[in-house]
Amino acid sequence: MIIGGAVNRRKPSLEIFMAGLKVLGVKASETVFVGDSLTDDVQGPQNVGMTTILIKKRPLPEDTKIQPDAIIEHLNELPKLLAALK
């Protein structure tokens, strides 16, 4: 777990995602980030090269330019989607 205060940054700042990659010892291109916020959990990770999955809890704004790589409505959909992404 990376705490924003520990790296003095908050999502969607690149530094917090880079810190997570460093701790895990993985490349951004090998990583899938799952979250429920377009700005914090999609735009931020995409800016460092991660694949993103949005958990859709509300309708997406029609005017958004932020597009996740995939959208799910429930976490139980995640294993099947991850298998398909391989």
PDB file of N, CA and C in Angstrom:
ATOM      1  N   MET A   1       0.849  -1.166   0.000  1.00  0.00           N
ATOM      2  CA  MET A   1       0.000   0.000   0.000  1.00  0.00           C
ATOM      3  C   MET A   1       0.898   1.232   0.000  1.00  0.00           C
ATOM      4  N   ILE A   2       0.535   2.168  -0.849  1.00  0.00           N
ATOM      5  CA  ILE A   2       1.257   3.437  -0.899  1.00  0.00           C
ATOM      6  C   ILE A   2       0.327   4.515  -0.341  1.00  0.00           C
ATOM      7  N   ILE A   3       0.798   5.229   0.642  1.00  0.00           N
ATOM      8  CA  ILE A   3       0.032   6.311   1.252  1.00  0.00           C
ATOM      9  C   ILE A   3       0.511   7.618   0.627  1.00  0.00           C
ATOM     10  N   GLY A   4      -0.434   8.419   0.137  1.00  0.00           N
ATOM     11  CA  GLY A   4      -0.077   9.669  -0.521  1.00  0.00           C
ATOM     12  C   GLY A   4       0.832  10.547   0.315  1.00  0.00           C
ATOM     13  N   GLY A   5       0.584  10.616   1.610  1.00  0.00           N
ATOM     14  CA  GLY A   5       1.406  11.450   2.484  1.00  0.00           C
ATOM     15  C   GLY A   5       2.851  10.987   2.563  1.00  0.00           C
ATOM     16  N   ALA A   6       3.070   9.685   2.370  1.00  0.00           N
ATOM     17  CA  ALA A   6       4.431   9.146   2.442  1.00  0.00           C
ATOM     18  C   ALA A   6       5.287   9.618   1.272  1.00  0.00           C
ATOM     19  N   VAL A   7       4.663   9.881   0.137  1.00  0.00           N
ATOM     20  CA  VAL A   7       5.404  10.381  -1.024  1.00  0.00           C
ATOM     21  C   VAL A   7       5.070  11.844  -1.298  1.00  0.00           C
ATOM     22  N   ASN A   8       4.299  12.433  -0.386  1.00  0.00           N
ATOM     23  CA  ASN A   8       3.907  13.840  -0.469  1.00  0.00           C
ATOM     24  C   ASN A   8       3.168  14.166  -1.763  1.00  0.00           C
ATOM     25  N   ARG A   9       2.372  13.219  -2.233  1.00  0.00           N
ATOM     26  CA  ARG A   9       1.568  13.389  -3.446  1.00  0.00           C
ATOM     27  C   ARG A   9       0.250  12.656  -3.277  1.00  0.00           C
ATOM     28  N   ARG A  10      -0.740  13.073  -4.048  1.00  0.00           N
ATOM     29  CA  ARG A  10      -2.043  12.404  -4.053  1.00  0.00           C
ATOM     30  C   ARG A  10      -2.377  11.993  -5.481  1.00  0.00           C
ATOM     31  N   LYS A  11      -3.257  11.017  -5.614  1.00  0.00           N
ATOM     32  CA  LYS A  11      -3.729  10.661  -6.953  1.00  0.00           C
ATOM     33  C   LYS A  11      -4.417  11.887  -7.543  1.00  0.00           C
ATOM     34  N   PRO A  12      -4.246  12.170  -8.777  1.00  0.00           N
ATOM     35  CA  PRO A  12      -3.664  11.403  -9.869  1.00  0.00           C
ATOM     36  C   PRO A  12      -2.197  11.719 -10.166  1.00  0.00           C
ATOM     37  N   SER A  13      -1.463  12.268  -9.227  1.00  0.00           N
ATOM     38  CA  SER A  13      -0.060  12.621  -9.432  1.00  0.00           C
ATOM     39  C   SER A  13       0.763  11.407  -9.870  1.00  0.00           C
ATOM     40  N   LEU A  14       1.632  11.618 -10.834  1.00  0.00           N
ATOM     41  CA  LEU A  14       2.473  10.533 -11.347  1.00  0.00           C
ATOM     42  C   LEU A  14       3.334   9.895 -10.263  1.00  0.00           C
ATOM     43  N   GLU A  15       3.812  10.709  -9.338  1.00  0.00           N
ATOM     44  CA  GLU A  15       4.753  10.217  -8.330  1.00  0.00           C
ATOM     45  C   GLU A  15       4.172   9.092  -7.466  1.00  0.00           C
ATOM     46  N   ILE A  16       2.914   9.172  -7.151  1.00  0.00           N
ATOM     47  CA  ILE A  16       2.329   8.135  -6.298  1.00  0.00           C
ATOM     48  C   ILE A  16       2.244   6.802  -7.036  1.00  0.00           C
ATOM     49  N   PHE A  17       1.938   6.850  -8.316  1.00  0.00           N
ATOM     50  CA  PHE A  17       1.877   5.617  -9.099  1.00  0.00           C
ATOM     51  C   PHE A  17       3.279   5.056  -9.351  1.00  0.00           C
ATOM     52  N   MET A  18       4.227   5.946  -9.603  1.00  0.00           N
ATOM     53  CA  MET A  18       5.609   5.503  -9.796  1.00  0.00           C
ATOM     54  C   MET A  18       6.150   4.862  -8.523  1.00  0.00           C
ATOM     55  N   ALA A  19       5.800   5.411  -7.365  1.00  0.00           N
ATOM     56  CA  ALA A  19       6.236   4.826  -6.095  1.00  0.00           C
ATOM     57  C   ALA A  19       5.662   3.412  -5.938  1.00  0.00           C
ATOM     58  N   GLY A  20       4.404   3.231  -6.307  1.00  0.00           N
ATOM     59  CA  GLY A  20       3.793   1.901  -6.229  1.00  0.00           C
ATOM     60  C   GLY A  20       4.482   0.905  -7.143  1.00  0.00           C
ATOM     61  N   LEU A  21       4.794   1.322  -8.351  1.00  0.00           N
ATOM     62  CA  LEU A  21       5.501   0.439  -9.290  1.00  0.00           C
ATOM     63  C   LEU A  21       6.865   0.048  -8.747  1.00  0.00           C
ATOM     64  N   LYS A  22       7.551   1.018  -8.158  1.00  0.00           N
ATOM     65  CA  LYS A  22       8.879   0.742  -7.607  1.00  0.00           C
ATOM     66  C   LYS A  22       8.804  -0.266  -6.464  1.00  0.00           C
ATOM     67  N   VAL A  23       7.850  -0.072  -5.559  1.00  0.00           N
ATOM     68  CA  VAL A  23       7.691  -0.991  -4.430  1.00  0.00           C
ATOM     69  C   VAL A  23       7.376  -2.407  -4.916  1.00  0.00           C
ATOM     70  N   LEU A  24       6.532  -2.503  -5.934  1.00  0.00           N
ATOM     71  CA  LEU A  24       6.153  -3.821  -6.462  1.00  0.00           C
ATOM     72  C   LEU A  24       7.218  -4.416  -7.373  1.00  0.00           C
ATOM     73  N   GLY A  25       8.112  -3.575  -7.874  1.00  0.00           N
ATOM     74  CA  GLY A  25       9.153  -4.057  -8.770  1.00  0.00           C
ATOM     75  C   GLY A  25       8.617  -4.481 -10.129  1.00  0.00           C
ATOM     76  N   VAL A  26       7.624  -3.729 -10.629  1.00  0.00           N
ATOM     77  CA  VAL A  26       7.027  -4.049 -11.924  1.00  0.00           C
ATOM     78  C   VAL A  26       7.043  -2.820 -12.824  1.00  0.00           C
ATOM     79  N   LYS A  27       6.894  -3.072 -14.121  1.00  0.00           N
ATOM     80  CA  LYS A  27       6.794  -1.993 -15.090  1.00  0.00           C
ATOM     81  C   LYS A  27       5.333  -1.577 -15.208  1.00  0.00           C
ATOM     82  N   ALA A  28       5.109  -0.328 -15.571  1.00  0.00           N
ATOM     83  CA  ALA A  28       3.739   0.158 -15.764  1.00  0.00           C
ATOM     84  C   ALA A  28       3.008  -0.671 -16.810  1.00  0.00           C
ATOM     85  N   SER A  29       3.705  -1.067 -17.856  1.00  0.00           N
ATOM     86  CA  SER A  29       3.083  -1.848 -18.934  1.00  0.00           C
ATOM     87  C   SER A  29       2.659  -3.243 -18.485  1.00  0.00           C
ATOM     88  N   GLU A  30       3.140  -3.689 -17.337  1.00  0.00           N
ATOM     89  CA  GLU A  30       2.782  -5.004 -16.793  1.00  0.00           C
ATOM     90  C   GLU A  30       1.683  -4.913 -15.745  1.00  0.00           C
ATOM     91  N   THR A  31       1.147  -3.705 -15.549  1.00  0.00           N
ATOM     92  CA  THR A  31       0.273  -3.436 -14.414  1.00  0.00           C
ATOM     93  C   THR A  31      -1.125  -3.044 -14.850  1.00  0.00           C
ATOM     94  N   VAL A  32      -2.108  -3.521 -14.093  1.00  0.00           N
ATOM     95  CA  VAL A  32      -3.500  -3.109 -14.286  1.00  0.00           C
ATOM     96  C   VAL A  32      -3.943  -2.412 -13.010  1.00  0.00           C
ATOM     97  N   PHE A  33      -4.465  -1.201 -13.161  1.00  0.00           N
ATOM     98  CA  PHE A  33      -4.951  -0.440 -12.019  1.00  0.00           C
ATOM     99  C   PHE A  33      -6.476  -0.433 -12.061  1.00  0.00           C
ATOM    100  N   VAL A  34      -7.093  -0.793 -10.956  1.00  0.00           N
ATOM    101  CA  VAL A  34      -8.551  -0.872 -10.860  1.00  0.00           C
ATOM    102  C   VAL A  34      -9.031   0.151  -9.847  1.00  0.00           C
ATOM    103  N   GLY A  35     -10.020   0.937 -10.232  1.00  0.00           N
ATOM    104  CA  GLY A  35     -10.565   1.924  -9.310  1.00  0.00           C
ATOM    105  C   GLY A  35     -11.893   2.462  -9.795  1.00  0.00           C
ATOM    106  N   ASP A  36     -12.460   3.392  -9.025  1.00  0.00           N
ATOM    107  CA  ASP A  36     -13.796   3.884  -9.351  1.00  0.00           C
ATOM    108  C   ASP A  36     -13.849   5.379  -9.672  1.00  0.00           C
ATOM    109  N   SER A  37     -12.703   6.011  -9.862  1.00  0.00           N
ATOM    110  CA  SER A  37     -12.666   7.436 -10.178  1.00  0.00           C
ATOM    111  C   SER A  37     -11.977   7.651 -11.521  1.00  0.00           C
ATOM    112  N   LEU A  38     -12.676   8.346 -12.432  1.00  0.00           N
ATOM    113  CA  LEU A  38     -12.064   8.613 -13.736  1.00  0.00           C
ATOM    114  C   LEU A  38     -10.760   9.387 -13.601  1.00  0.00           C
ATOM    115  N   THR A  39     -10.754  10.419 -12.806  1.00  0.00           N
ATOM    116  CA  THR A  39      -9.561  11.250 -12.687  1.00  0.00           C
ATOM    117  C   THR A  39      -8.455  10.551 -11.905  1.00  0.00           C
ATOM    118  N   ASP A  40      -8.767  10.078 -10.715  1.00  0.00           N
ATOM    119  CA  ASP A  40      -7.743   9.504  -9.843  1.00  0.00           C
ATOM    120  C   ASP A  40      -7.295   8.108 -10.269  1.00  0.00           C
ATOM    121  N   ASP A  41      -8.228   7.289 -10.717  1.00  0.00           N
ATOM    122  CA  ASP A  41      -7.943   5.868 -10.935  1.00  0.00           C
ATOM    123  C   ASP A  41      -7.843   5.469 -12.402  1.00  0.00           C
ATOM    124  N   VAL A  42      -8.092   6.395 -13.302  1.00  0.00           N
ATOM    125  CA  VAL A  42      -7.934   6.113 -14.732  1.00  0.00           C
ATOM    126  C   VAL A  42      -6.888   7.053 -15.326  1.00  0.00           C
ATOM    127  N   GLN A  43      -7.127   8.343 -15.233  1.00  0.00           N
ATOM    128  CA  GLN A  43      -6.204   9.301 -15.833  1.00  0.00           C
ATOM    129  C   GLN A  43      -4.802   9.204 -15.232  1.00  0.00           C
ATOM    130  N   GLY A  44      -4.713   9.145 -13.916  1.00  0.00           N
ATOM    131  CA  GLY A  44      -3.405   9.060 -13.259  1.00  0.00           C
ATOM    132  C   GLY A  44      -2.598   7.850 -13.693  1.00  0.00           C
ATOM    133  N   PRO A  45      -3.135   6.635 -13.556  1.00  0.00           N
ATOM    134  CA  PRO A  45      -2.369   5.454 -13.961  1.00  0.00           C
ATOM    135  C   PRO A  45      -2.074   5.409 -15.464  1.00  0.00           C
ATOM    136  N   GLN A  46      -3.003   5.890 -16.282  1.00  0.00           N
ATOM    137  CA  GLN A  46      -2.738   5.904 -17.726  1.00  0.00           C
ATOM    138  C   GLN A  46      -1.576   6.826 -18.053  1.00  0.00           C
ATOM    139  N   ASN A  47      -1.422   7.889 -17.293  1.00  0.00           N
ATOM    140  CA  ASN A  47      -0.324   8.831 -17.539  1.00  0.00           C
ATOM    141  C   ASN A  47       1.045   8.197 -17.318  1.00  0.00           C
ATOM    142  N   VAL A  48       1.115   7.103 -16.558  1.00  0.00           N
ATOM    143  CA  VAL A  48       2.396   6.402 -16.382  1.00  0.00           C
ATOM    144  C   VAL A  48       2.456   5.123 -17.207  1.00  0.00           C
ATOM    145  N   GLY A  49       1.405   4.826 -17.967  1.00  0.00           N
ATOM    146  CA  GLY A  49       1.436   3.677 -18.866  1.00  0.00           C
ATOM    147  C   GLY A  49       0.751   2.423 -18.373  1.00  0.00           C
ATOM    148  N   MET A  50      -0.037   2.526 -17.308  1.00  0.00           N
ATOM    149  CA  MET A  50      -0.762   1.354 -16.798  1.00  0.00           C
ATOM    150  C   MET A  50      -2.059   1.143 -17.577  1.00  0.00           C
ATOM    151  N   THR A  51      -2.486  -0.103 -17.660  1.00  0.00           N
ATOM    152  CA  THR A  51      -3.824  -0.433 -18.139  1.00  0.00           C
ATOM    153  C   THR A  51      -4.795  -0.104 -17.015  1.00  0.00           C
ATOM    154  N   THR A  52      -5.970   0.409 -17.357  1.00  0.00           N
ATOM    155  CA  THR A  52      -6.917   0.810 -16.319  1.00  0.00           C
ATOM    156  C   THR A  52      -8.271   0.137 -16.499  1.00  0.00           C
ATOM    157  N   ILE A  53      -8.854  -0.217 -15.371  1.00  0.00           N
ATOM    158  CA  ILE A  53     -10.205  -0.765 -15.331  1.00  0.00           C
ATOM    159  C   ILE A  53     -11.003   0.089 -14.367  1.00  0.00           C
ATOM    160  N   LEU A  54     -12.113   0.620 -14.862  1.00  0.00           N
ATOM    161  CA  LEU A  54     -12.985   1.449 -14.045  1.00  0.00           C
ATOM    162  C   LEU A  54     -14.132   0.611 -13.499  1.00  0.00           C
ATOM    163  N   ILE A  55     -14.348   0.698 -12.198  1.00  0.00           N
ATOM    164  CA  ILE A  55     -15.543   0.119 -11.591  1.00  0.00           C
ATOM    165  C   ILE A  55     -16.606   1.207 -11.686  1.00  0.00           C
ATOM    166  N   LYS A  56     -17.574   1.005 -12.547  1.00  0.00           N
ATOM    167  CA  LYS A  56     -18.581   2.036 -12.823  1.00  0.00           C
ATOM    168  C   LYS A  56     -19.646   2.036 -11.739  1.00  0.00           C
ATOM    169  N   LYS A  57     -19.662   3.106 -10.974  1.00  0.00           N
ATOM    170  CA  LYS A  57     -20.639   3.249  -9.896  1.00  0.00           C
ATOM    171  C   LYS A  57     -21.712   4.267 -10.249  1.00  0.00           C
ATOM    172  N   ARG A  58     -21.461   5.054 -11.274  1.00  0.00           N
ATOM    173  CA  ARG A  58     -22.409   6.066 -11.728  1.00  0.00           C
ATOM    174  C   ARG A  58     -22.200   6.235 -13.230  1.00  0.00           C
ATOM    175  N   PRO A  59     -23.170   6.814 -13.930  1.00  0.00           N
ATOM    176  CA  PRO A  59     -22.989   7.037 -15.371  1.00  0.00           C
ATOM    177  C   PRO A  59     -21.762   7.907 -15.641  1.00  0.00           C
ATOM    178  N   LEU A  60     -21.054   7.603 -16.717  1.00  0.00           N
ATOM    179  CA  LEU A  60     -19.898   8.406 -17.090  1.00  0.00           C
ATOM    180  C   LEU A  60     -20.366   9.726 -17.692  1.00  0.00           C
ATOM    181  N   PRO A  61     -19.666  10.811 -17.405  1.00  0.00           N
ATOM    182  CA  PRO A  61     -20.020  12.085 -18.024  1.00  0.00           C
ATOM    183  C   PRO A  61     -19.872  11.985 -19.541  1.00  0.00           C
ATOM    184  N   GLU A  62     -20.833  12.528 -20.256  1.00  0.00           N
ATOM    185  CA  GLU A  62     -20.798  12.441 -21.719  1.00  0.00           C
ATOM    186  C   GLU A  62     -19.642  13.214 -22.324  1.00  0.00           C
ATOM    187  N   ASP A  63     -19.187  14.252 -21.655  1.00  0.00           N
ATOM    188  CA  ASP A  63     -18.143  15.110 -22.205  1.00  0.00           C
ATOM    189  C   ASP A  63     -16.730  14.720 -21.774  1.00  0.00           C
ATOM    190  N   THR A  64     -16.568  13.578 -21.131  1.00  0.00           N
ATOM    191  CA  THR A  64     -15.241  13.215 -20.632  1.00  0.00           C
ATOM    192  C   THR A  64     -14.330  12.747 -21.767  1.00  0.00           C
ATOM    193  N   LYS A  65     -13.086  13.137 -21.661  1.00  0.00           N
ATOM    194  CA  LYS A  65     -12.067  12.664 -22.597  1.00  0.00           C
ATOM    195  C   LYS A  65     -11.277  11.515 -21.988  1.00  0.00           C
ATOM    196  N   ILE A  66     -11.508  11.263 -20.719  1.00  0.00           N
ATOM    197  CA  ILE A  66     -10.813  10.186 -20.013  1.00  0.00           C
ATOM    198  C   ILE A  66     -11.546   8.879 -20.287  1.00  0.00           C
ATOM    199  N   GLN A  67     -10.846   7.924 -20.862  1.00  0.00           N
ATOM    200  CA  GLN A  67     -11.457   6.646 -21.214  1.00  0.00           C
ATOM    201  C   GLN A  67     -10.655   5.500 -20.611  1.00  0.00           C
ATOM    202  N   PRO A  68     -11.261   4.708 -19.740  1.00  0.00           N
ATOM    203  CA  PRO A  68     -10.562   3.538 -19.202  1.00  0.00           C
ATOM    204  C   PRO A  68     -10.380   2.487 -20.291  1.00  0.00           C
ATOM    205  N   ASP A  69      -9.466   1.571 -20.060  1.00  0.00           N
ATOM    206  CA  ASP A  69      -9.258   0.477 -21.006  1.00  0.00           C
ATOM    207  C   ASP A  69     -10.403  -0.523 -20.954  1.00  0.00           C
ATOM    208  N   ALA A  70     -11.048  -0.617 -19.807  1.00  0.00           N
ATOM    209  CA  ALA A  70     -12.200  -1.506 -19.639  1.00  0.00           C
ATOM    210  C   ALA A  70     -13.067  -0.959 -18.502  1.00  0.00           C
ATOM    211  N   ILE A  71     -14.331  -1.356 -18.519  1.00  0.00           N
ATOM    212  CA  ILE A  71     -15.279  -0.944 -17.481  1.00  0.00           C
ATOM    213  C   ILE A  71     -15.987  -2.176 -16.947  1.00  0.00           C
ATOM    214  N   ILE A  72     -16.074  -2.264 -15.632  1.00  0.00           N
ATOM    215  CA  ILE A  72     -16.853  -3.313 -14.983  1.00  0.00           C
ATOM    216  C   ILE A  72     -17.817  -2.642 -14.015  1.00  0.00           C
ATOM    217  N   GLU A  73     -18.841  -3.384 -13.610  1.00  0.00           N
ATOM    218  CA  GLU A  73     -19.779  -2.843 -12.629  1.00  0.00           C
ATOM    219  C   GLU A  73     -19.579  -3.460 -11.252  1.00  0.00           C
ATOM    220  N   HIS A  74     -18.984  -4.659 -11.222  1.00  0.00           N
ATOM    221  CA  HIS A  74     -18.757  -5.364  -9.953  1.00  0.00           C
ATOM    222  C   HIS A  74     -17.385  -6.037  -9.994  1.00  0.00           C
ATOM    223  N   LEU A  75     -16.753  -6.112  -8.837  1.00  0.00           N
ATOM    224  CA  LEU A  75     -15.430  -6.743  -8.762  1.00  0.00           C
ATOM    225  C   LEU A  75     -15.447  -8.204  -9.177  1.00  0.00           C
ATOM    226  N   ASN A  76     -16.589  -8.874  -9.049  1.00  0.00           N
ATOM    227  CA  ASN A  76     -16.619 -10.287  -9.438  1.00  0.00           C
ATOM    228  C   ASN A  76     -16.435 -10.470 -10.946  1.00  0.00           C
ATOM    229  N   GLU A  77     -16.502  -9.390 -11.720  1.00  0.00           N
ATOM    230  CA  GLU A  77     -16.246  -9.440 -13.157  1.00  0.00           C
ATOM    231  C   GLU A  77     -14.744  -9.392 -13.469  1.00  0.00           C
ATOM    232  N   LEU A  78     -13.950  -9.014 -12.491  1.00  0.00           N
ATOM    233  CA  LEU A  78     -12.532  -8.765 -12.718  1.00  0.00           C
ATOM    234  C   LEU A  78     -11.737  -9.987 -13.161  1.00  0.00           C
ATOM    235  N   PRO A  79     -11.866 -11.158 -12.525  1.00  0.00           N
ATOM    236  CA  PRO A  79     -11.047 -12.296 -12.966  1.00  0.00           C
ATOM    237  C   PRO A  79     -11.227 -12.656 -14.437  1.00  0.00           C
ATOM    238  N   LYS A  80     -12.452 -12.661 -14.925  1.00  0.00           N
ATOM    239  CA  LYS A  80     -12.712 -12.982 -16.320  1.00  0.00           C
ATOM    240  C   LYS A  80     -12.092 -11.937 -17.246  1.00  0.00           C
ATOM    241  N   LEU A  81     -12.226 -10.667 -16.874  1.00  0.00           N
ATOM    242  CA  LEU A  81     -11.653  -9.589 -17.683  1.00  0.00           C
ATOM    243  C   LEU A  81     -10.135  -9.672 -17.709  1.00  0.00           C
ATOM    244  N   LEU A  82      -9.520  -9.911 -16.569  1.00  0.00           N
ATOM    245  CA  LEU A  82      -8.054 -10.021 -16.524  1.00  0.00           C
ATOM    246  C   LEU A  82      -7.572 -11.189 -17.370  1.00  0.00           C
ATOM    247  N   ALA A  83      -8.299 -12.293 -17.351  1.00  0.00           N
ATOM    248  CA  ALA A  83      -7.922 -13.449 -18.182  1.00  0.00           C
ATOM    249  C   ALA A  83      -7.989 -13.075 -19.664  1.00  0.00           C
ATOM    250  N   ALA A  84      -8.985 -12.280 -20.029  1.00  0.00           N
ATOM    251  CA  ALA A  84      -9.135 -11.863 -21.419  1.00  0.00           C
ATOM    252  C   ALA A  84      -8.050 -10.880 -21.849  1.00  0.00           C
ATOM    253  N   LEU A  85      -7.506 -10.113 -20.913  1.00  0.00           N
ATOM    254  CA  LEU A  85      -6.474  -9.138 -21.225  1.00  0.00           C
ATOM    255  C   LEU A  85      -5.102  -9.759 -21.471  1.00  0.00           C
ATOM    256  N   LYS A  86      -4.925 -11.002 -21.061  1.00  0.00           N
ATOM    257  CA  LYS A  86      -3.605 -11.655 -21.198  1.00  0.00           C
ATOM    258  C   LYS A  86      -3.215 -11.844 -22.631  1.00  0.00           C
TER     259      LYS A  86
END
